[in-house]
Amino acid sequence: MKRYFVYGLASAFLLLAGCASVGTTSTPAPVAEATSPQATPPSMSTPRPETQVQTSPVPGGEAQPGAELPATPEPPPLPPASGNRAVMALLDRAQTDADAGRPDAASATLERALRIEPRNARLWHELAQLRLAQGQYAQAISLAQKSNSFAGAQRQLQALNWRVIGQARIAQGNPDAGQRALSRAAALEQ
């Protein structure tokens, strides 16, 4: 059971630590190793990593690390989060706060942006990622589901939301539901 948590947490940080600030051209910061869910939250709006370590349950209930899967092509970038300049400024500020290890400030900023655009699926997704990084798994699942309800035909955003849901379910100790969610994400990415 503890290995599921560790693998889930590690994969969450790997998935979330991949890209730089939204709307900037700076190089991404190096990924810091984390020892707990309350560690510095990774960057928001990250694509999936180039390789994934697959874990599979064994009869004893423990997860065993599998071999690395082949590299997958980089998914296309998400469309701009909003056409509203105020929302984009708030999203940039939330990114800065998250990168600086201030997840509470980043959350407050995203919630402010959501008061401006409450039906913005991307903002709900960003907040879900923050909650996942903070170890607030039930809230991360709920926010990712809300994002999917507004995502429409944005398959890539839906896939990212299903990844958040899968990682949170695994971290909650429900690996079967987590794997189903991750499979759904993979199907959307094809």
N, C-alpha and C. Protein backbone atom coordinates (compact mmCIF):
# COMPACT_ATOMS: atom_id res chain seq x y z
N MET A 1 0.84 -1.19 0.00
CA MET A 1 0.00 0.00 0.00
C MET A 1 0.88 1.25 0.00
N LYS A 2 1.97 1.24 0.79
CA LYS A 2 2.85 2.39 0.87
C LYS A 2 3.55 2.62 -0.46
N ARG A 3 3.89 1.54 -1.17
CA ARG A 3 4.54 1.69 -2.47
C ARG A 3 3.62 2.39 -3.45
N TYR A 4 2.31 2.08 -3.42
CA TYR A 4 1.37 2.76 -4.32
C TYR A 4 1.44 4.25 -4.09
N PHE A 5 1.46 4.64 -2.82
CA PHE A 5 1.51 6.06 -2.49
C PHE A 5 2.79 6.68 -3.02
N VAL A 6 3.90 6.01 -2.78
CA VAL A 6 5.19 6.54 -3.21
C VAL A 6 5.24 6.63 -4.74
N TYR A 7 4.81 5.57 -5.44
CA TYR A 7 4.82 5.60 -6.91
C TYR A 7 3.84 6.65 -7.43
N GLY A 8 2.68 6.74 -6.82
CA GLY A 8 1.70 7.74 -7.24
C GLY A 8 2.22 9.14 -7.04
N LEU A 9 2.83 9.36 -5.88
CA LEU A 9 3.37 10.68 -5.58
C LEU A 9 4.52 11.02 -6.53
N ALA A 10 5.39 10.05 -6.76
CA ALA A 10 6.51 10.29 -7.66
C ALA A 10 6.02 10.59 -9.08
N SER A 11 5.04 9.81 -9.55
CA SER A 11 4.54 10.06 -10.91
C SER A 11 3.81 11.39 -10.99
N ALA A 12 3.12 11.78 -9.91
CA ALA A 12 2.44 13.09 -9.90
C ALA A 12 3.45 14.21 -10.04
N PHE A 13 4.54 14.12 -9.28
CA PHE A 13 5.54 15.18 -9.37
C PHE A 13 6.25 15.17 -10.72
N LEU A 14 6.50 14.00 -11.28
CA LEU A 14 7.13 13.94 -12.59
C LEU A 14 6.23 14.54 -13.66
N LEU A 15 4.93 14.23 -13.58
CA LEU A 15 4.00 14.76 -14.58
C LEU A 15 3.82 16.26 -14.45
N LEU A 16 3.84 16.75 -13.23
CA LEU A 16 3.53 18.15 -13.01
C LEU A 16 4.76 19.07 -13.08
N ALA A 17 5.95 18.51 -13.15
CA ALA A 17 7.15 19.33 -13.06
C ALA A 17 7.79 19.62 -14.42
N GLY A 18 7.09 19.38 -15.51
CA GLY A 18 7.73 19.41 -16.81
C GLY A 18 7.90 20.72 -17.53
N CYS A 19 7.08 21.72 -17.31
CA CYS A 19 7.21 22.88 -18.20
C CYS A 19 7.35 24.18 -17.44
N ALA A 20 7.72 25.22 -18.16
CA ALA A 20 7.93 26.53 -17.56
C ALA A 20 6.62 27.28 -17.48
N SER A 21 6.68 28.51 -17.05
CA SER A 21 5.51 29.35 -16.87
C SER A 21 4.70 29.46 -18.15
N VAL A 22 3.38 29.55 -17.99
CA VAL A 22 2.49 29.71 -19.12
C VAL A 22 2.70 31.10 -19.69
N GLY A 23 2.89 31.18 -21.01
CA GLY A 23 3.00 32.47 -21.67
C GLY A 23 4.39 33.07 -21.66
N THR A 24 5.40 32.37 -21.16
CA THR A 24 6.75 32.90 -21.18
C THR A 24 7.63 31.99 -22.00
N THR A 25 8.81 32.48 -22.31
CA THR A 25 9.73 31.66 -23.10
C THR A 25 10.95 31.29 -22.28
N SER A 26 10.86 31.37 -20.98
CA SER A 26 12.01 31.02 -20.15
C SER A 26 12.20 29.52 -20.12
N THR A 27 13.40 29.11 -19.76
CA THR A 27 13.68 27.68 -19.67
C THR A 27 13.10 27.15 -18.37
N PRO A 28 12.67 25.87 -18.35
CA PRO A 28 12.07 25.32 -17.15
C PRO A 28 13.09 25.19 -16.03
N ALA A 29 12.61 25.37 -14.82
CA ALA A 29 13.46 25.21 -13.65
C ALA A 29 13.73 23.73 -13.43
N PRO A 30 14.89 23.39 -12.84
CA PRO A 30 15.15 21.97 -12.58
C PRO A 30 14.16 21.44 -11.56
N VAL A 31 13.84 20.16 -11.70
CA VAL A 31 12.88 19.52 -10.82
C VAL A 31 13.56 19.19 -9.51
N ALA A 32 13.00 19.65 -8.41
CA ALA A 32 13.54 19.34 -7.09
C ALA A 32 12.91 18.05 -6.59
N GLU A 33 13.70 17.26 -5.89
CA GLU A 33 13.15 16.04 -5.33
C GLU A 33 12.24 16.41 -4.17
N ALA A 34 11.12 15.73 -4.10
CA ALA A 34 10.16 16.00 -3.04
C ALA A 34 10.06 14.79 -2.14
N THR A 35 9.86 15.06 -0.86
CA THR A 35 9.74 13.95 0.08
C THR A 35 8.35 13.85 0.66
N SER A 36 7.50 14.85 0.41
CA SER A 36 6.15 14.80 0.93
C SER A 36 5.22 15.53 -0.01
N PRO A 37 3.88 15.27 0.12
CA PRO A 37 2.94 15.96 -0.76
C PRO A 37 2.92 17.46 -0.54
N GLN A 38 3.39 17.94 0.61
CA GLN A 38 3.38 19.37 0.89
C GLN A 38 4.64 20.06 0.40
N ALA A 39 5.50 19.37 -0.32
CA ALA A 39 6.72 19.96 -0.84
C ALA A 39 6.36 20.99 -1.91
N THR A 40 7.35 21.69 -2.39
CA THR A 40 7.13 22.72 -3.39
C THR A 40 6.33 22.16 -4.56
N PRO A 41 5.19 22.80 -4.89
CA PRO A 41 4.39 22.27 -5.98
C PRO A 41 5.10 22.46 -7.31
N PRO A 42 4.95 21.49 -8.20
CA PRO A 42 5.55 21.58 -9.51
C PRO A 42 4.81 22.57 -10.40
N SER A 43 5.39 22.83 -11.55
CA SER A 43 4.77 23.75 -12.49
C SER A 43 3.40 23.27 -12.90
N MET A 44 2.56 24.22 -13.22
CA MET A 44 1.21 23.89 -13.67
C MET A 44 1.22 23.69 -15.17
N SER A 45 0.17 23.10 -15.69
CA SER A 45 -0.03 22.87 -17.13
C SER A 45 1.10 22.09 -17.76
N THR A 46 1.43 20.97 -17.18
CA THR A 46 2.55 20.22 -17.71
C THR A 46 2.08 19.11 -18.62
N PRO A 47 2.81 18.88 -19.69
CA PRO A 47 2.50 17.72 -20.52
C PRO A 47 3.03 16.47 -19.84
N ARG A 48 2.64 15.33 -20.33
CA ARG A 48 3.12 14.11 -19.73
C ARG A 48 4.61 13.95 -20.04
N PRO A 49 5.34 13.20 -19.20
CA PRO A 49 6.77 13.05 -19.43
C PRO A 49 7.04 12.20 -20.67
N GLU A 50 8.30 12.23 -21.14
CA GLU A 50 8.64 11.48 -22.34
C GLU A 50 8.61 9.98 -22.09
N THR A 51 8.96 9.53 -20.90
CA THR A 51 8.88 8.11 -20.58
C THR A 51 8.06 7.96 -19.32
N GLN A 52 7.46 6.80 -19.20
CA GLN A 52 6.63 6.53 -18.04
C GLN A 52 7.08 5.20 -17.47
N VAL A 53 7.10 5.12 -16.13
CA VAL A 53 7.38 3.85 -15.49
C VAL A 53 6.05 3.22 -15.17
N GLN A 54 5.86 2.03 -15.65
CA GLN A 54 4.59 1.35 -15.46
C GLN A 54 4.69 0.46 -14.24
N THR A 55 3.68 0.51 -13.37
CA THR A 55 3.64 -0.37 -12.22
C THR A 55 2.45 -1.29 -12.39
N SER A 56 2.58 -2.51 -11.89
CA SER A 56 1.48 -3.44 -12.02
C SER A 56 1.29 -4.16 -10.70
N PRO A 57 0.03 -4.32 -10.29
CA PRO A 57 -0.22 -5.03 -9.04
C PRO A 57 0.19 -6.49 -9.18
N VAL A 58 0.67 -7.06 -8.11
CA VAL A 58 1.01 -8.47 -8.06
C VAL A 58 0.11 -9.13 -7.03
N PRO A 59 0.04 -10.45 -7.01
CA PRO A 59 -0.88 -11.12 -6.10
C PRO A 59 -0.76 -10.68 -4.65
N GLY A 60 0.42 -10.30 -4.17
CA GLY A 60 0.58 -9.89 -2.78
C GLY A 60 0.03 -8.51 -2.50
N GLY A 61 -0.47 -7.81 -3.50
CA GLY A 61 -1.04 -6.48 -3.30
C GLY A 61 -0.02 -5.37 -3.44
N GLU A 62 1.25 -5.70 -3.60
CA GLU A 62 2.29 -4.69 -3.75
C GLU A 62 2.46 -4.34 -5.22
N ALA A 63 2.92 -3.14 -5.49
CA ALA A 63 3.20 -2.74 -6.87
C ALA A 63 4.67 -2.99 -7.15
N GLN A 64 4.96 -3.44 -8.36
CA GLN A 64 6.33 -3.63 -8.76
C GLN A 64 6.63 -2.71 -9.92
N PRO A 65 7.76 -2.03 -9.88
CA PRO A 65 8.09 -1.18 -11.01
C PRO A 65 8.36 -2.03 -12.24
N GLY A 66 7.86 -1.58 -13.37
CA GLY A 66 8.07 -2.29 -14.63
C GLY A 66 9.14 -1.59 -15.42
N ALA A 67 9.31 -2.03 -16.61
CA ALA A 67 10.29 -1.41 -17.49
C ALA A 67 9.74 -0.09 -18.01
N GLU A 68 10.64 0.78 -18.43
CA GLU A 68 10.19 2.05 -18.99
C GLU A 68 9.54 1.80 -20.34
N LEU A 69 8.48 2.54 -20.59
CA LEU A 69 7.81 2.48 -21.87
C LEU A 69 8.57 3.34 -22.87
N PRO A 70 8.42 3.09 -24.15
CA PRO A 70 9.13 3.92 -25.14
C PRO A 70 8.66 5.37 -25.07
N ALA A 71 9.54 6.25 -25.50
CA ALA A 71 9.22 7.68 -25.49
C ALA A 71 8.03 7.94 -26.40
N THR A 72 7.16 8.84 -25.96
CA THR A 72 6.00 9.22 -26.76
C THR A 72 6.22 10.64 -27.26
N PRO A 73 5.65 10.97 -28.39
CA PRO A 73 5.84 12.33 -28.91
C PRO A 73 5.21 13.36 -27.97
N GLU A 74 5.78 14.52 -27.96
CA GLU A 74 5.29 15.62 -27.13
C GLU A 74 3.89 16.02 -27.60
N PRO A 75 2.92 16.10 -26.66
CA PRO A 75 1.57 16.50 -27.08
C PRO A 75 1.58 17.96 -27.50
N PRO A 76 0.64 18.34 -28.35
CA PRO A 76 0.59 19.74 -28.76
C PRO A 76 0.27 20.62 -27.55
N PRO A 77 0.75 21.86 -27.55
CA PRO A 77 0.49 22.73 -26.41
C PRO A 77 -1.00 23.01 -26.27
N LEU A 78 -1.40 23.24 -25.03
CA LEU A 78 -2.79 23.59 -24.79
C LEU A 78 -3.06 24.97 -25.38
N PRO A 79 -4.29 25.22 -25.83
CA PRO A 79 -4.61 26.56 -26.32
C PRO A 79 -4.52 27.56 -25.18
N PRO A 80 -4.45 28.84 -25.50
CA PRO A 80 -4.39 29.85 -24.44
C PRO A 80 -5.54 29.64 -23.44
N ALA A 81 -5.25 29.90 -22.18
CA ALA A 81 -6.23 29.67 -21.13
C ALA A 81 -7.41 30.62 -21.24
N SER A 82 -7.18 31.80 -21.79
CA SER A 82 -8.25 32.80 -21.86
C SER A 82 -7.85 33.91 -22.82
N GLY A 83 -8.85 34.61 -23.33
CA GLY A 83 -8.59 35.81 -24.11
C GLY A 83 -8.62 37.04 -23.23
N ASN A 84 -8.98 36.88 -21.99
CA ASN A 84 -9.09 37.98 -21.04
C ASN A 84 -7.70 38.26 -20.45
N ARG A 85 -7.22 39.47 -20.62
CA ARG A 85 -5.88 39.84 -20.15
C ARG A 85 -5.77 39.75 -18.64
N ALA A 86 -6.82 40.09 -17.92
CA ALA A 86 -6.78 40.01 -16.46
C ALA A 86 -6.64 38.56 -16.00
N VAL A 87 -7.36 37.67 -16.65
CA VAL A 87 -7.27 36.25 -16.30
C VAL A 87 -5.88 35.72 -16.61
N MET A 88 -5.33 36.10 -17.76
CA MET A 88 -3.98 35.65 -18.11
C MET A 88 -2.94 36.18 -17.11
N ALA A 89 -3.10 37.42 -16.67
CA ALA A 89 -2.17 37.98 -15.68
C ALA A 89 -2.28 37.22 -14.37
N LEU A 90 -3.50 36.88 -13.97
CA LEU A 90 -3.69 36.11 -12.74
C LEU A 90 -3.10 34.71 -12.88
N LEU A 91 -3.26 34.11 -14.04
CA LEU A 91 -2.70 32.78 -14.26
C LEU A 91 -1.17 32.82 -14.21
N ASP A 92 -0.57 33.86 -14.80
CA ASP A 92 0.89 34.01 -14.72
C ASP A 92 1.35 34.20 -13.28
N ARG A 93 0.60 34.98 -12.53
CA ARG A 93 0.95 35.21 -11.13
C ARG A 93 0.82 33.92 -10.33
N ALA A 94 -0.22 33.14 -10.59
CA ALA A 94 -0.38 31.85 -9.91
C ALA A 94 0.78 30.93 -10.24
N GLN A 95 1.22 30.94 -11.49
CA GLN A 95 2.36 30.12 -11.91
C GLN A 95 3.62 30.53 -11.14
N THR A 96 3.83 31.82 -11.04
CA THR A 96 4.99 32.33 -10.30
C THR A 96 4.94 31.90 -8.85
N ASP A 97 3.77 32.04 -8.23
CA ASP A 97 3.61 31.63 -6.83
C ASP A 97 3.85 30.13 -6.65
N ALA A 98 3.31 29.33 -7.57
CA ALA A 98 3.50 27.88 -7.48
C ALA A 98 4.97 27.52 -7.65
N ASP A 99 5.64 28.15 -8.60
CA ASP A 99 7.07 27.87 -8.82
C ASP A 99 7.92 28.30 -7.63
N ALA A 100 7.46 29.31 -6.91
CA ALA A 100 8.21 29.82 -5.74
C ALA A 100 7.85 29.08 -4.45
N GLY A 101 7.02 28.05 -4.55
CA GLY A 101 6.68 27.27 -3.36
C GLY A 101 5.61 27.91 -2.50
N ARG A 102 4.75 28.69 -3.11
CA ARG A 102 3.64 29.33 -2.38
C ARG A 102 2.31 28.82 -2.92
N PRO A 103 1.97 27.56 -2.64
CA PRO A 103 0.75 26.98 -3.22
C PRO A 103 -0.53 27.66 -2.73
N ASP A 104 -0.53 28.15 -1.50
CA ASP A 104 -1.74 28.82 -1.01
C ASP A 104 -1.99 30.13 -1.76
N ALA A 105 -0.93 30.87 -2.02
CA ALA A 105 -1.07 32.12 -2.78
C ALA A 105 -1.49 31.80 -4.22
N ALA A 106 -0.91 30.75 -4.80
CA ALA A 106 -1.28 30.35 -6.16
C ALA A 106 -2.75 29.96 -6.22
N SER A 107 -3.21 29.21 -5.22
CA SER A 107 -4.62 28.80 -5.17
C SER A 107 -5.54 30.01 -5.07
N ALA A 108 -5.19 30.95 -4.20
CA ALA A 108 -6.02 32.15 -4.04
C ALA A 108 -6.09 32.93 -5.34
N THR A 109 -4.98 33.01 -6.06
CA THR A 109 -4.95 33.74 -7.33
C THR A 109 -5.81 33.04 -8.37
N LEU A 110 -5.72 31.71 -8.44
CA LEU A 110 -6.55 30.96 -9.39
C LEU A 110 -8.03 31.10 -9.03
N GLU A 111 -8.36 31.09 -7.75
CA GLU A 111 -9.76 31.26 -7.35
C GLU A 111 -10.26 32.65 -7.76
N ARG A 112 -9.40 33.64 -7.69
CA ARG A 112 -9.78 34.98 -8.13
C ARG A 112 -10.05 34.98 -9.64
N ALA A 113 -9.19 34.30 -10.40
CA ALA A 113 -9.40 34.20 -11.86
C ALA A 113 -10.70 33.47 -12.15
N LEU A 114 -11.03 32.46 -11.35
CA LEU A 114 -12.27 31.71 -11.56
C LEU A 114 -13.51 32.56 -11.25
N ARG A 115 -13.37 33.56 -10.40
CA ARG A 115 -14.50 34.46 -10.17
C ARG A 115 -14.77 35.31 -11.41
N ILE A 116 -13.73 35.56 -12.19
CA ILE A 116 -13.89 36.31 -13.45
C ILE A 116 -14.45 35.40 -14.54
N GLU A 117 -13.90 34.18 -14.64
CA GLU A 117 -14.33 33.22 -15.67
C GLU A 117 -14.65 31.88 -15.02
N PRO A 118 -15.83 31.75 -14.44
CA PRO A 118 -16.17 30.52 -13.71
C PRO A 118 -16.34 29.28 -14.58
N ARG A 119 -16.45 29.43 -15.88
CA ARG A 119 -16.62 28.28 -16.77
C ARG A 119 -15.35 27.96 -17.56
N ASN A 120 -14.21 28.46 -17.08
CA ASN A 120 -12.94 28.25 -17.76
C ASN A 120 -12.34 26.92 -17.30
N ALA A 121 -12.39 25.94 -18.18
CA ALA A 121 -11.92 24.59 -17.86
C ALA A 121 -10.44 24.57 -17.51
N ARG A 122 -9.65 25.38 -18.16
CA ARG A 122 -8.20 25.40 -17.90
C ARG A 122 -7.90 25.87 -16.49
N LEU A 123 -8.61 26.88 -16.01
CA LEU A 123 -8.39 27.36 -14.64
C LEU A 123 -8.74 26.30 -13.61
N TRP A 124 -9.85 25.58 -13.85
CA TRP A 124 -10.22 24.49 -12.93
C TRP A 124 -9.14 23.42 -12.92
N HIS A 125 -8.57 23.13 -14.10
CA HIS A 125 -7.51 22.13 -14.19
C HIS A 125 -6.27 22.58 -13.40
N GLU A 126 -5.88 23.82 -13.57
CA GLU A 126 -4.70 24.33 -12.86
C GLU A 126 -4.89 24.22 -11.35
N LEU A 127 -6.09 24.52 -10.88
CA LEU A 127 -6.37 24.42 -9.45
C LEU A 127 -6.35 22.95 -9.00
N ALA A 128 -6.83 22.06 -9.85
CA ALA A 128 -6.79 20.62 -9.54
C ALA A 128 -5.35 20.15 -9.41
N GLN A 129 -4.47 20.61 -10.29
CA GLN A 129 -3.06 20.23 -10.21
C GLN A 129 -2.43 20.72 -8.91
N LEU A 130 -2.76 21.92 -8.50
CA LEU A 130 -2.22 22.44 -7.24
C LEU A 130 -2.69 21.58 -6.06
N ARG A 131 -3.96 21.24 -6.06
CA ARG A 131 -4.49 20.42 -4.96
C ARG A 131 -3.82 19.04 -4.94
N LEU A 132 -3.56 18.48 -6.11
CA LEU A 132 -2.86 17.20 -6.18
C LEU A 132 -1.47 17.33 -5.57
N ALA A 133 -0.76 18.37 -5.94
CA ALA A 133 0.59 18.60 -5.42
C ALA A 133 0.58 18.83 -3.92
N GLN A 134 -0.51 19.38 -3.39
CA GLN A 134 -0.63 19.63 -1.96
C GLN A 134 -1.08 18.40 -1.18
N GLY A 135 -1.42 17.33 -1.89
CA GLY A 135 -1.88 16.12 -1.22
C GLY A 135 -3.36 16.15 -0.87
N GLN A 136 -4.09 17.09 -1.42
CA GLN A 136 -5.54 17.18 -1.20
C GLN A 136 -6.24 16.44 -2.33
N TYR A 137 -6.20 15.10 -2.23
CA TYR A 137 -6.59 14.26 -3.35
C TYR A 137 -8.07 14.32 -3.68
N ALA A 138 -8.95 14.32 -2.70
CA ALA A 138 -10.38 14.38 -2.98
C ALA A 138 -10.73 15.68 -3.70
N GLN A 139 -10.14 16.77 -3.26
CA GLN A 139 -10.40 18.05 -3.91
C GLN A 139 -9.83 18.07 -5.32
N ALA A 140 -8.66 17.47 -5.51
CA ALA A 140 -8.06 17.42 -6.85
C ALA A 140 -8.97 16.67 -7.81
N ILE A 141 -9.54 15.56 -7.35
CA ILE A 141 -10.46 14.78 -8.19
C ILE A 141 -11.68 15.61 -8.55
N SER A 142 -12.27 16.24 -7.55
CA SER A 142 -13.47 17.05 -7.77
C SER A 142 -13.21 18.20 -8.76
N LEU A 143 -12.08 18.88 -8.59
CA LEU A 143 -11.76 20.00 -9.47
C LEU A 143 -11.45 19.53 -10.90
N ALA A 144 -10.79 18.39 -11.03
CA ALA A 144 -10.51 17.85 -12.37
C ALA A 144 -11.81 17.44 -13.07
N GLN A 145 -12.74 16.87 -12.31
CA GLN A 145 -14.04 16.52 -12.89
C GLN A 145 -14.79 17.77 -13.33
N LYS A 146 -14.71 18.82 -12.53
CA LYS A 146 -15.36 20.08 -12.90
C LYS A 146 -14.72 20.64 -14.17
N SER A 147 -13.41 20.56 -14.27
CA SER A 147 -12.73 21.01 -15.48
C SER A 147 -13.21 20.24 -16.69
N ASN A 148 -13.35 18.92 -16.54
CA ASN A 148 -13.84 18.10 -17.65
C ASN A 148 -15.26 18.49 -18.05
N SER A 149 -16.06 18.91 -17.10
CA SER A 149 -17.44 19.30 -17.42
C SER A 149 -17.49 20.55 -18.30
N PHE A 150 -16.44 21.37 -18.24
CA PHE A 150 -16.38 22.59 -19.06
C PHE A 150 -15.44 22.43 -20.26
N ALA A 151 -14.74 21.32 -20.38
CA ALA A 151 -13.69 21.16 -21.40
C ALA A 151 -14.24 21.01 -22.81
N GLY A 152 -15.48 20.60 -22.96
CA GLY A 152 -16.03 20.44 -24.31
C GLY A 152 -15.24 19.44 -25.12
N ALA A 153 -14.73 19.86 -26.28
CA ALA A 153 -14.00 18.97 -27.18
C ALA A 153 -12.49 19.06 -26.98
N GLN A 154 -12.03 19.65 -25.91
CA GLN A 154 -10.59 19.78 -25.65
C GLN A 154 -10.05 18.46 -25.10
N ARG A 155 -9.75 17.53 -26.00
CA ARG A 155 -9.33 16.18 -25.59
C ARG A 155 -8.04 16.20 -24.78
N GLN A 156 -7.10 17.05 -25.13
CA GLN A 156 -5.84 17.08 -24.39
C GLN A 156 -6.07 17.53 -22.95
N LEU A 157 -6.90 18.53 -22.76
CA LEU A 157 -7.20 18.99 -21.41
C LEU A 157 -7.95 17.91 -20.64
N GLN A 158 -8.88 17.23 -21.30
CA GLN A 158 -9.58 16.13 -20.64
C GLN A 158 -8.60 15.04 -20.22
N ALA A 159 -7.65 14.73 -21.08
CA ALA A 159 -6.65 13.70 -20.75
C ALA A 159 -5.82 14.12 -19.53
N LEU A 160 -5.42 15.38 -19.49
CA LEU A 160 -4.66 15.86 -18.33
C LEU A 160 -5.49 15.77 -17.06
N ASN A 161 -6.78 16.07 -17.17
CA ASN A 161 -7.66 15.95 -16.01
C ASN A 161 -7.77 14.50 -15.55
N TRP A 162 -7.90 13.57 -16.50
CA TRP A 162 -7.98 12.16 -16.13
C TRP A 162 -6.67 11.69 -15.49
N ARG A 163 -5.54 12.26 -15.90
CA ARG A 163 -4.27 11.92 -15.25
C ARG A 163 -4.27 12.39 -13.80
N VAL A 164 -4.76 13.60 -13.55
CA VAL A 164 -4.86 14.10 -12.18
C VAL A 164 -5.75 13.17 -11.36
N ILE A 165 -6.89 12.79 -11.93
CA ILE A 165 -7.82 11.90 -11.22
C ILE A 165 -7.15 10.56 -10.93
N GLY A 166 -6.46 10.00 -11.91
CA GLY A 166 -5.80 8.72 -11.73
C GLY A 166 -4.73 8.77 -10.65
N GLN A 167 -3.90 9.79 -10.69
CA GLN A 167 -2.83 9.92 -9.70
C GLN A 167 -3.41 10.13 -8.30
N ALA A 168 -4.47 10.91 -8.20
CA ALA A 168 -5.09 11.14 -6.90
C ALA A 168 -5.72 9.85 -6.36
N ARG A 169 -6.37 9.10 -7.21
CA ARG A 169 -6.98 7.83 -6.76
C ARG A 169 -5.91 6.85 -6.29
N ILE A 170 -4.82 6.76 -7.01
CA ILE A 170 -3.73 5.88 -6.60
C ILE A 170 -3.18 6.33 -5.25
N ALA A 171 -2.99 7.63 -5.10
CA ALA A 171 -2.47 8.16 -3.84
C ALA A 171 -3.45 7.93 -2.68
N GLN A 172 -4.74 7.86 -2.99
CA GLN A 172 -5.74 7.59 -1.96
C GLN A 172 -5.79 6.11 -1.60
N GLY A 173 -5.05 5.28 -2.32
CA GLY A 173 -5.05 3.86 -2.03
C GLY A 173 -6.03 3.07 -2.87
N ASN A 174 -6.47 3.62 -3.98
CA ASN A 174 -7.40 2.94 -4.87
C ASN A 174 -6.74 2.77 -6.24
N PRO A 175 -5.79 1.81 -6.34
CA PRO A 175 -5.03 1.69 -7.58
C PRO A 175 -5.86 1.24 -8.78
N ASP A 176 -6.90 0.44 -8.57
CA ASP A 176 -7.71 -0.01 -9.69
C ASP A 176 -8.41 1.16 -10.36
N ALA A 177 -9.06 2.00 -9.55
CA ALA A 177 -9.73 3.19 -10.09
C ALA A 177 -8.71 4.14 -10.70
N GLY A 178 -7.54 4.24 -10.10
CA GLY A 178 -6.49 5.09 -10.63
C GLY A 178 -6.02 4.63 -11.99
N GLN A 179 -5.83 3.32 -12.14
CA GLN A 179 -5.39 2.79 -13.44
C GLN A 179 -6.47 2.96 -14.51
N ARG A 180 -7.74 2.82 -14.12
CA ARG A 180 -8.82 3.05 -15.09
C ARG A 180 -8.81 4.49 -15.58
N ALA A 181 -8.59 5.43 -14.66
CA ALA A 181 -8.54 6.85 -15.04
C ALA A 181 -7.33 7.12 -15.94
N LEU A 182 -6.19 6.53 -15.61
CA LEU A 182 -5.00 6.73 -16.44
C LEU A 182 -5.18 6.11 -17.82
N SER A 183 -5.89 4.99 -17.89
CA SER A 183 -6.19 4.38 -19.19
C SER A 183 -7.10 5.27 -20.01
N ARG A 184 -8.04 5.89 -19.35
CA ARG A 184 -8.94 6.82 -20.05
C ARG A 184 -8.15 8.02 -20.58
N ALA A 185 -7.18 8.48 -19.80
CA ALA A 185 -6.33 9.59 -20.26
C ALA A 185 -5.54 9.16 -21.50
N ALA A 186 -4.97 7.97 -21.45
CA ALA A 186 -4.20 7.48 -22.59
C ALA A 186 -5.05 7.36 -23.84
N ALA A 187 -6.30 6.91 -23.68
CA ALA A 187 -7.21 6.80 -24.83
C ALA A 187 -7.50 8.18 -25.44
N LEU A 188 -7.63 9.20 -24.60
CA LEU A 188 -7.91 10.54 -25.09
C LEU A 188 -6.69 11.14 -25.79
N GLU A 189 -5.51 10.70 -25.43
CA GLU A 189 -4.29 11.25 -26.02
C GLU A 189 -3.99 10.67 -27.40
N GLN A 190 -4.67 9.61 -27.79
CA GLN A 190 -4.41 8.98 -29.07
C GLN A 190 -5.15 9.65 -30.20
